[in-house]
């Protein structure tokens, strides 16, 4: 059961801090935080407020500077499959 517990902890780390769900179409900001692409864009609905990171005081230049996190997408899928096979 140690494997299941480790996978559960890993899955908890892979949650979007905005929607609190599994990261979907994850992007990484310049400050290194991960969010669902949709969530971070929605959190910046008012361009006059600028583009602050929801988790730290970093001001992000724009959503154009997001990095698609392809390896994180793969890790999330593998984690989900492992978690399902252990249960």
PDB file of N, CA and C in Angstrom:
ATOM      1  N   UNK A   1       0.808  -1.201   0.000  1.00  0.00           N
ATOM      2  CA  UNK A   1       0.000   0.000   0.000  1.00  0.00           C
ATOM      3  C   UNK A   1       0.855   1.271   0.000  1.00  0.00           C
ATOM      4  N   UNK A   2       2.150   1.136   0.200  1.00  0.00           N
ATOM      5  CA  UNK A   2       3.020   2.307   0.179  1.00  0.00           C
ATOM      6  C   UNK A   2       3.015   2.954  -1.204  1.00  0.00           C
ATOM      7  N   UNK A   3       2.922   2.122  -2.240  1.00  0.00           N
ATOM      8  CA  UNK A   3       2.889   2.647  -3.605  1.00  0.00           C
ATOM      9  C   UNK A   3       1.618   3.458  -3.816  1.00  0.00           C
ATOM     10  N   UNK A   4       0.497   2.943  -3.348  1.00  0.00           N
ATOM     11  CA  UNK A   4      -0.771   3.661  -3.502  1.00  0.00           C
ATOM     12  C   UNK A   4      -0.728   4.990  -2.762  1.00  0.00           C
ATOM     13  N   UNK A   5      -0.153   5.000  -1.574  1.00  0.00           N
ATOM     14  CA  UNK A   5      -0.059   6.246  -0.804  1.00  0.00           C
ATOM     15  C   UNK A   5       0.838   7.254  -1.516  1.00  0.00           C
ATOM     16  N   UNK A   6       1.944   6.777  -2.081  1.00  0.00           N
ATOM     17  CA  UNK A   6       2.853   7.669  -2.806  1.00  0.00           C
ATOM     18  C   UNK A   6       2.170   8.239  -4.049  1.00  0.00           C
ATOM     19  N   UNK A   7       1.432   7.405  -4.743  1.00  0.00           N
ATOM     20  CA  UNK A   7       0.716   7.876  -5.932  1.00  0.00           C
ATOM     21  C   UNK A   7      -0.364   8.885  -5.568  1.00  0.00           C
ATOM     22  N   UNK A   8      -1.029   8.661  -4.451  1.00  0.00           N
ATOM     23  CA  UNK A   8      -2.048   9.604  -3.999  1.00  0.00           C
ATOM     24  C   UNK A   8      -1.427  10.952  -3.668  1.00  0.00           C
ATOM     25  N   UNK A   9      -0.263  10.941  -3.018  1.00  0.00           N
ATOM     26  CA  UNK A   9       0.439  12.199  -2.702  1.00  0.00           C
ATOM     27  C   UNK A   9       0.881  12.900  -3.988  1.00  0.00           C
ATOM     28  N   UNK A  10       1.382  12.109  -4.933  1.00  0.00           N
ATOM     29  CA  UNK A  10       1.807  12.679  -6.215  1.00  0.00           C
ATOM     30  C   UNK A  10       0.631  13.310  -6.940  1.00  0.00           C
ATOM     31  N   UNK A  11      -0.496  12.641  -6.916  1.00  0.00           N
ATOM     32  CA  UNK A  11      -1.689  13.164  -7.575  1.00  0.00           C
ATOM     33  C   UNK A  11      -2.143  14.457  -6.896  1.00  0.00           C
ATOM     34  N   UNK A  12      -2.038  14.534  -5.588  1.00  0.00           N
ATOM     35  CA  UNK A  12      -2.415  15.754  -4.874  1.00  0.00           C
ATOM     36  C   UNK A  12      -1.524  16.924  -5.267  1.00  0.00           C
ATOM     37  N   UNK A  13      -0.270  16.657  -5.547  1.00  0.00           N
ATOM     38  CA  UNK A  13       0.659  17.705  -5.975  1.00  0.00           C
ATOM     39  C   UNK A  13       0.348  18.194  -7.386  1.00  0.00           C
ATOM     40  N   UNK A  14      -0.364  17.387  -8.139  1.00  0.00           N
ATOM     41  CA  UNK A  14      -0.649  17.718  -9.539  1.00  0.00           C
ATOM     42  C   UNK A  14      -2.023  18.361  -9.693  1.00  0.00           C
ATOM     43  N   UNK A  15      -2.470  19.059  -8.681  1.00  0.00           N
ATOM     44  CA  UNK A  15      -3.749  19.767  -8.726  1.00  0.00           C
ATOM     45  C   UNK A  15      -3.518  21.220  -9.093  1.00  0.00           C
ATOM     46  N   UNK A  16      -4.450  21.784  -9.799  1.00  0.00           N
ATOM     47  CA  UNK A  16      -4.405  23.205 -10.127  1.00  0.00           C
ATOM     48  C   UNK A  16      -4.765  23.991  -8.869  1.00  0.00           C
ATOM     49  N   UNK A  17      -3.941  24.958  -8.470  1.00  0.00           N
ATOM     50  CA  UNK A  17      -4.256  25.726  -7.270  1.00  0.00           C
ATOM     51  C   UNK A  17      -5.443  26.683  -7.430  1.00  0.00           C
ATOM     52  N   UNK A  18      -5.953  26.819  -8.638  1.00  0.00           N
ATOM     53  CA  UNK A  18      -7.116  27.688  -8.856  1.00  0.00           C
ATOM     54  C   UNK A  18      -8.408  26.879  -8.786  1.00  0.00           C
ATOM     55  N   UNK A  19      -8.527  25.838  -9.615  1.00  0.00           N
ATOM     56  CA  UNK A  19      -9.772  25.044  -9.643  1.00  0.00           C
ATOM     57  C   UNK A  19      -9.737  23.861  -8.688  1.00  0.00           C
ATOM     58  N   UNK A  20      -8.551  23.530  -8.171  1.00  0.00           N
ATOM     59  CA  UNK A  20      -8.342  22.422  -7.238  1.00  0.00           C
ATOM     60  C   UNK A  20      -8.657  21.063  -7.839  1.00  0.00           C
ATOM     61  N   UNK A  21      -8.663  20.987  -9.156  1.00  0.00           N
ATOM     62  CA  UNK A  21      -8.886  19.731  -9.866  1.00  0.00           C
ATOM     63  C   UNK A  21      -7.552  19.299 -10.484  1.00  0.00           C
ATOM     64  N   UNK A  22      -7.527  18.118 -11.091  1.00  0.00           N
ATOM     65  CA  UNK A  22      -6.308  17.685 -11.784  1.00  0.00           C
ATOM     66  C   UNK A  22      -5.958  18.715 -12.854  1.00  0.00           C
ATOM     67  N   UNK A  23      -4.664  18.963 -13.017  1.00  0.00           N
ATOM     68  CA  UNK A  23      -4.219  19.913 -14.033  1.00  0.00           C
ATOM     69  C   UNK A  23      -4.678  19.458 -15.410  1.00  0.00           C
ATOM     70  N   UNK A  24      -5.328  20.346 -16.153  1.00  0.00           N
ATOM     71  CA  UNK A  24      -5.754  20.087 -17.520  1.00  0.00           C
ATOM     72  C   UNK A  24      -5.035  21.068 -18.417  1.00  0.00           C
ATOM     73  N   UNK A  25      -4.397  20.591 -19.439  1.00  0.00           N
ATOM     74  CA  UNK A  25      -3.637  21.431 -20.351  1.00  0.00           C
ATOM     75  C   UNK A  25      -2.696  22.339 -19.549  1.00  0.00           C
ATOM     76  N   UNK A  26      -1.833  21.720 -18.711  1.00  0.00           N
ATOM     77  CA  UNK A  26      -1.019  22.514 -17.790  1.00  0.00           C
ATOM     78  C   UNK A  26      -0.004  23.416 -18.470  1.00  0.00           C
ATOM     79  N   UNK A  27       0.148  24.591 -17.887  1.00  0.00           N
ATOM     80  CA  UNK A  27       1.161  25.542 -18.316  1.00  0.00           C
ATOM     81  C   UNK A  27       1.954  25.954 -17.077  1.00  0.00           C
ATOM     82  N   UNK A  28       3.199  26.358 -17.316  1.00  0.00           N
ATOM     83  CA  UNK A  28       4.064  26.813 -16.247  1.00  0.00           C
ATOM     84  C   UNK A  28       4.344  28.296 -16.458  1.00  0.00           C
ATOM     85  N   UNK A  29       4.174  29.077 -15.411  1.00  0.00           N
ATOM     86  CA  UNK A  29       4.425  30.507 -15.497  1.00  0.00           C
ATOM     87  C   UNK A  29       5.920  30.781 -15.372  1.00  0.00           C
ATOM     88  N   UNK A  30       6.307  32.012 -15.615  1.00  0.00           N
ATOM     89  CA  UNK A  30       7.712  32.404 -15.514  1.00  0.00           C
ATOM     90  C   UNK A  30       8.271  32.160 -14.113  1.00  0.00           C
ATOM     91  N   UNK A  31       7.400  32.224 -13.096  1.00  0.00           N
ATOM     92  CA  UNK A  31       7.843  32.035 -11.716  1.00  0.00           C
ATOM     93  C   UNK A  31       7.850  30.563 -11.304  1.00  0.00           C
ATOM     94  N   UNK A  32       7.461  29.658 -12.235  1.00  0.00           N
ATOM     95  CA  UNK A  32       7.563  28.232 -11.980  1.00  0.00           C
ATOM     96  C   UNK A  32       6.323  27.564 -11.436  1.00  0.00           C
ATOM     97  N   UNK A  33       5.199  28.274 -11.338  1.00  0.00           N
ATOM     98  CA  UNK A  33       3.973  27.657 -10.844  1.00  0.00           C
ATOM     99  C   UNK A  33       3.188  27.051 -12.006  1.00  0.00           C
ATOM    100  N   UNK A  34       2.482  25.968 -11.715  1.00  0.00           N
ATOM    101  CA  UNK A  34       1.702  25.246 -12.723  1.00  0.00           C
ATOM    102  C   UNK A  34       0.213  25.487 -12.515  1.00  0.00           C
ATOM    103  N   UNK A  35      -0.489  25.701 -13.614  1.00  0.00           N
ATOM    104  CA  UNK A  35      -1.928  25.934 -13.591  1.00  0.00           C
ATOM    105  C   UNK A  35      -2.547  25.294 -14.828  1.00  0.00           C
ATOM    106  N   UNK A  36      -3.864  25.059 -14.780  1.00  0.00           N
ATOM    107  CA  UNK A  36      -4.587  24.741 -16.013  1.00  0.00           C
ATOM    108  C   UNK A  36      -4.515  25.994 -16.878  1.00  0.00           C
ATOM    109  N   UNK A  37      -4.322  25.822 -18.153  1.00  0.00           N
ATOM    110  CA  UNK A  37      -4.245  26.969 -19.053  1.00  0.00           C
ATOM    111  C   UNK A  37      -5.520  27.812 -18.956  1.00  0.00           C
ATOM    112  N   UNK A  38      -6.660  27.169 -18.975  1.00  0.00           N
ATOM    113  CA  UNK A  38      -7.936  27.873 -18.896  1.00  0.00           C
ATOM    114  C   UNK A  38      -8.065  28.649 -17.586  1.00  0.00           C
ATOM    115  N   UNK A  39      -7.695  28.023 -16.475  1.00  0.00           N
ATOM    116  CA  UNK A  39      -7.843  28.660 -15.157  1.00  0.00           C
ATOM    117  C   UNK A  39      -7.017  29.930 -15.040  1.00  0.00           C
ATOM    118  N   UNK A  40      -5.763  29.867 -15.454  1.00  0.00           N
ATOM    119  CA  UNK A  40      -4.913  31.040 -15.314  1.00  0.00           C
ATOM    120  C   UNK A  40      -5.391  32.161 -16.240  1.00  0.00           C
ATOM    121  N   UNK A  41      -5.859  31.810 -17.419  1.00  0.00           N
ATOM    122  CA  UNK A  41      -6.372  32.845 -18.321  1.00  0.00           C
ATOM    123  C   UNK A  41      -7.645  33.472 -17.761  1.00  0.00           C
ATOM    124  N   UNK A  42      -8.513  32.670 -17.156  1.00  0.00           N
ATOM    125  CA  UNK A  42      -9.737  33.201 -16.554  1.00  0.00           C
ATOM    126  C   UNK A  42      -9.432  34.079 -15.350  1.00  0.00           C
ATOM    127  N   UNK A  43      -8.374  33.752 -14.624  1.00  0.00           N
ATOM    128  CA  UNK A  43      -8.039  34.561 -13.445  1.00  0.00           C
ATOM    129  C   UNK A  43      -7.552  35.942 -13.860  1.00  0.00           C
ATOM    130  N   UNK A  44      -7.194  36.100 -15.119  1.00  0.00           N
ATOM    131  CA  UNK A  44      -6.732  37.381 -15.645  1.00  0.00           C
ATOM    132  C   UNK A  44      -7.779  38.008 -16.544  1.00  0.00           C
ATOM    133  N   UNK A  45      -9.026  37.896 -16.181  1.00  0.00           N
ATOM    134  CA  UNK A  45     -10.111  38.395 -17.024  1.00  0.00           C
ATOM    135  C   UNK A  45     -10.050  39.910 -17.220  1.00  0.00           C
ATOM    136  N   UNK A  46      -9.460  40.613 -16.268  1.00  0.00           N
ATOM    137  CA  UNK A  46      -9.374  42.073 -16.367  1.00  0.00           C
ATOM    138  C   UNK A  46      -7.936  42.476 -16.690  1.00  0.00           C
ATOM    139  N   UNK A  47      -7.635  42.780 -17.957  1.00  0.00           N
ATOM    140  CA  UNK A  47      -6.252  43.105 -18.323  1.00  0.00           C
ATOM    141  C   UNK A  47      -5.733  44.380 -17.673  1.00  0.00           C
ATOM    142  N   UNK A  48      -6.623  45.215 -17.138  1.00  0.00           N
ATOM    143  CA  UNK A  48      -6.181  46.446 -16.487  1.00  0.00           C
ATOM    144  C   UNK A  48      -5.560  46.175 -15.119  1.00  0.00           C
ATOM    145  N   UNK A  49      -5.815  44.987 -14.568  1.00  0.00           N
ATOM    146  CA  UNK A  49      -5.219  44.619 -13.286  1.00  0.00           C
ATOM    147  C   UNK A  49      -3.846  43.990 -13.470  1.00  0.00           C
ATOM    148  N   UNK A  50      -3.423  43.837 -14.687  1.00  0.00           N
ATOM    149  CA  UNK A  50      -2.133  43.213 -14.955  1.00  0.00           C
ATOM    150  C   UNK A  50      -2.245  41.701 -14.917  1.00  0.00           C
ATOM    151  N   UNK A  51      -1.117  41.056 -14.835  1.00  0.00           N
ATOM    152  CA  UNK A  51      -1.069  39.599 -14.871  1.00  0.00           C
ATOM    153  C   UNK A  51      -0.269  39.071 -13.682  1.00  0.00           C
ATOM    154  N   UNK A  52      -0.812  39.177 -12.475  1.00  0.00           N
ATOM    155  CA  UNK A  52      -0.090  38.660 -11.312  1.00  0.00           C
ATOM    156  C   UNK A  52      -0.223  37.137 -11.213  1.00  0.00           C
ATOM    157  N   UNK A  53       0.795  36.504 -10.669  1.00  0.00           N
ATOM    158  CA  UNK A  53       0.691  35.074 -10.367  1.00  0.00           C
ATOM    159  C   UNK A  53      -0.252  34.943  -9.179  1.00  0.00           C
ATOM    160  N   UNK A  54      -1.202  34.002  -9.220  1.00  0.00           N
ATOM    161  CA  UNK A  54      -2.122  33.819  -8.095  1.00  0.00           C
ATOM    162  C   UNK A  54      -1.438  33.301  -6.824  1.00  0.00           C
ATOM    163  N   UNK A  55      -0.215  32.775  -6.946  1.00  0.00           N
ATOM    164  CA  UNK A  55       0.456  32.185  -5.783  1.00  0.00           C
ATOM    165  C   UNK A  55       1.601  33.003  -5.214  1.00  0.00           C
ATOM    166  N   UNK A  56       2.102  33.945  -5.984  1.00  0.00           N
ATOM    167  CA  UNK A  56       3.233  34.731  -5.496  1.00  0.00           C
ATOM    168  C   UNK A  56       3.151  36.141  -6.084  1.00  0.00           C
ATOM    169  N   UNK A  57       3.970  37.054  -5.619  1.00  0.00           N
ATOM    170  CA  UNK A  57       3.875  38.438  -6.095  1.00  0.00           C
ATOM    171  C   UNK A  57       4.482  38.698  -7.475  1.00  0.00           C
ATOM    172  N   UNK A  58       4.900  37.658  -8.158  1.00  0.00           N
ATOM    173  CA  UNK A  58       5.508  37.844  -9.473  1.00  0.00           C
ATOM    174  C   UNK A  58       4.490  38.388 -10.468  1.00  0.00           C
ATOM    175  N   UNK A  59       4.885  39.392 -11.212  1.00  0.00           N
ATOM    176  CA  UNK A  59       4.044  39.930 -12.280  1.00  0.00           C
ATOM    177  C   UNK A  59       4.493  39.272 -13.581  1.00  0.00           C
ATOM    178  N   UNK A  60       3.584  38.588 -14.238  1.00  0.00           N
ATOM    179  CA  UNK A  60       3.892  37.851 -15.457  1.00  0.00           C
ATOM    180  C   UNK A  60       3.625  38.764 -16.648  1.00  0.00           C
ATOM    181  N   UNK A  61       4.533  38.764 -17.594  1.00  0.00           N
ATOM    182  CA  UNK A  61       4.420  39.689 -18.723  1.00  0.00           C
ATOM    183  C   UNK A  61       3.116  39.499 -19.489  1.00  0.00           C
ATOM    184  N   UNK A  62       2.800  38.276 -19.854  1.00  0.00           N
ATOM    185  CA  UNK A  62       1.531  37.976 -20.522  1.00  0.00           C
ATOM    186  C   UNK A  62       1.395  36.466 -20.636  1.00  0.00           C
ATOM    187  N   UNK A  63       0.200  36.031 -21.029  1.00  0.00           N
ATOM    188  CA  UNK A  63      -0.030  34.597 -21.166  1.00  0.00           C
ATOM    189  C   UNK A  63       0.778  34.017 -22.311  1.00  0.00           C
ATOM    190  N   UNK A  64       1.292  34.854 -23.182  1.00  0.00           N
ATOM    191  CA  UNK A  64       2.101  34.373 -24.303  1.00  0.00           C
ATOM    192  C   UNK A  64       3.384  33.707 -23.800  1.00  0.00           C
ATOM    193  N   UNK A  65       3.818  34.079 -22.603  1.00  0.00           N
ATOM    194  CA  UNK A  65       5.054  33.545 -22.053  1.00  0.00           C
ATOM    195  C   UNK A  65       4.866  32.220 -21.304  1.00  0.00           C
ATOM    196  N   UNK A  66       3.677  31.635 -21.356  1.00  0.00           N
ATOM    197  CA  UNK A  66       3.452  30.333 -20.727  1.00  0.00           C
ATOM    198  C   UNK A  66       4.252  29.264 -21.438  1.00  0.00           C
ATOM    199  N   UNK A  67       4.709  28.310 -20.681  1.00  0.00           N
ATOM    200  CA  UNK A  67       5.366  27.141 -21.257  1.00  0.00           C
ATOM    201  C   UNK A  67       4.409  25.964 -21.153  1.00  0.00           C
ATOM    202  N   UNK A  68       4.063  25.376 -22.294  1.00  0.00           N
ATOM    203  CA  UNK A  68       3.270  24.146 -22.269  1.00  0.00           C
ATOM    204  C   UNK A  68       4.124  23.080 -21.617  1.00  0.00           C
ATOM    205  N   UNK A  69       3.593  22.444 -20.635  1.00  0.00           N
ATOM    206  CA  UNK A  69       4.375  21.497 -19.853  1.00  0.00           C
ATOM    207  C   UNK A  69       4.068  20.077 -20.326  1.00  0.00           C
ATOM    208  N   UNK A  70       4.654  19.707 -21.479  1.00  0.00           N
ATOM    209  CA  UNK A  70       4.366  18.409 -22.088  1.00  0.00           C
ATOM    210  C   UNK A  70       4.793  17.237 -21.200  1.00  0.00           C
ATOM    211  N   UNK A  71       5.918  17.350 -20.532  1.00  0.00           N
ATOM    212  CA  UNK A  71       6.355  16.246 -19.670  1.00  0.00           C
ATOM    213  C   UNK A  71       5.420  16.096 -18.478  1.00  0.00           C
ATOM    214  N   UNK A  72       4.907  17.193 -17.956  1.00  0.00           N
ATOM    215  CA  UNK A  72       3.954  17.111 -16.849  1.00  0.00           C
ATOM    216  C   UNK A  72       2.668  16.441 -17.307  1.00  0.00           C
ATOM    217  N   UNK A  73       2.239  16.719 -18.520  1.00  0.00           N
ATOM    218  CA  UNK A  73       1.049  16.066 -19.067  1.00  0.00           C
ATOM    219  C   UNK A  73       1.256  14.549 -19.085  1.00  0.00           C
ATOM    220  N   UNK A  74       2.426  14.106 -19.518  1.00  0.00           N
ATOM    221  CA  UNK A  74       2.724  12.672 -19.557  1.00  0.00           C
ATOM    222  C   UNK A  74       2.772  12.073 -18.165  1.00  0.00           C
ATOM    223  N   UNK A  75       3.407  12.761 -17.230  1.00  0.00           N
ATOM    224  CA  UNK A  75       3.506  12.258 -15.850  1.00  0.00           C
ATOM    225  C   UNK A  75       2.118  12.162 -15.221  1.00  0.00           C
ATOM    226  N   UNK A  76       1.273  13.143 -15.462  1.00  0.00           N
ATOM    227  CA  UNK A  76      -0.086  13.112 -14.926  1.00  0.00           C
ATOM    228  C   UNK A  76      -0.868  11.919 -15.463  1.00  0.00           C
ATOM    229  N   UNK A  77      -0.736  11.659 -16.747  1.00  0.00           N
ATOM    230  CA  UNK A  77      -1.438  10.516 -17.341  1.00  0.00           C
ATOM    231  C   UNK A  77      -0.922   9.201 -16.772  1.00  0.00           C
ATOM    232  N   UNK A  78       0.391   9.076 -16.630  1.00  0.00           N
ATOM    233  CA  UNK A  78       0.961   7.850 -16.065  1.00  0.00           C
ATOM    234  C   UNK A  78       0.527   7.662 -14.616  1.00  0.00           C
ATOM    235  N   UNK A  79       0.509   8.741 -13.855  1.00  0.00           N
ATOM    236  CA  UNK A  79       0.097   8.668 -12.456  1.00  0.00           C
ATOM    237  C   UNK A  79      -1.348   8.221 -12.347  1.00  0.00           C
ATOM    238  N   UNK A  80      -2.203   8.799 -13.177  1.00  0.00           N
ATOM    239  CA  UNK A  80      -3.618   8.428 -13.166  1.00  0.00           C
ATOM    240  C   UNK A  80      -3.787   6.945 -13.514  1.00  0.00           C
ATOM    241  N   UNK A  81      -3.077   6.454 -14.525  1.00  0.00           N
ATOM    242  CA  UNK A  81      -3.168   5.050 -14.907  1.00  0.00           C
ATOM    243  C   UNK A  81      -2.644   4.135 -13.810  1.00  0.00           C
ATOM    244  N   UNK A  82      -1.545   4.506 -13.180  1.00  0.00           N
ATOM    245  CA  UNK A  82      -1.023   3.707 -12.070  1.00  0.00           C
ATOM    246  C   UNK A  82      -1.972   3.677 -10.907  1.00  0.00           C
ATOM    247  N   UNK A  83      -2.551   4.819 -10.590  1.00  0.00           N
ATOM    248  CA  UNK A  83      -3.485   4.896  -9.470  1.00  0.00           C
ATOM    249  C   UNK A  83      -4.698   4.012  -9.720  1.00  0.00           C
ATOM    250  N   UNK A  84      -5.187   4.003 -10.958  1.00  0.00           N
ATOM    251  CA  UNK A  84      -6.326   3.149 -11.296  1.00  0.00           C
ATOM    252  C   UNK A  84      -5.975   1.663 -11.226  1.00  0.00           C
ATOM    253  N   UNK A  85      -4.746   1.317 -11.603  1.00  0.00           N
ATOM    254  CA  UNK A  85      -4.363  -0.096 -11.592  1.00  0.00           C
ATOM    255  C   UNK A  85      -4.094  -0.612 -10.174  1.00  0.00           C
ATOM    256  N   UNK A  86      -3.753   0.282  -9.245  1.00  0.00           N
ATOM    257  CA  UNK A  86      -3.468  -0.126  -7.869  1.00  0.00           C
ATOM    258  C   UNK A  86      -4.759  -0.317  -7.094  1.00  0.00           C
ATOM    259  N   UNK A  87      -5.796   0.452  -7.438  1.00  0.00           N
ATOM    260  CA  UNK A  87      -7.063   0.394  -6.680  1.00  0.00           C
ATOM    261  C   UNK A  87      -7.828  -0.857  -6.925  1.00  0.00           C
TER     262      UNK A  87
END
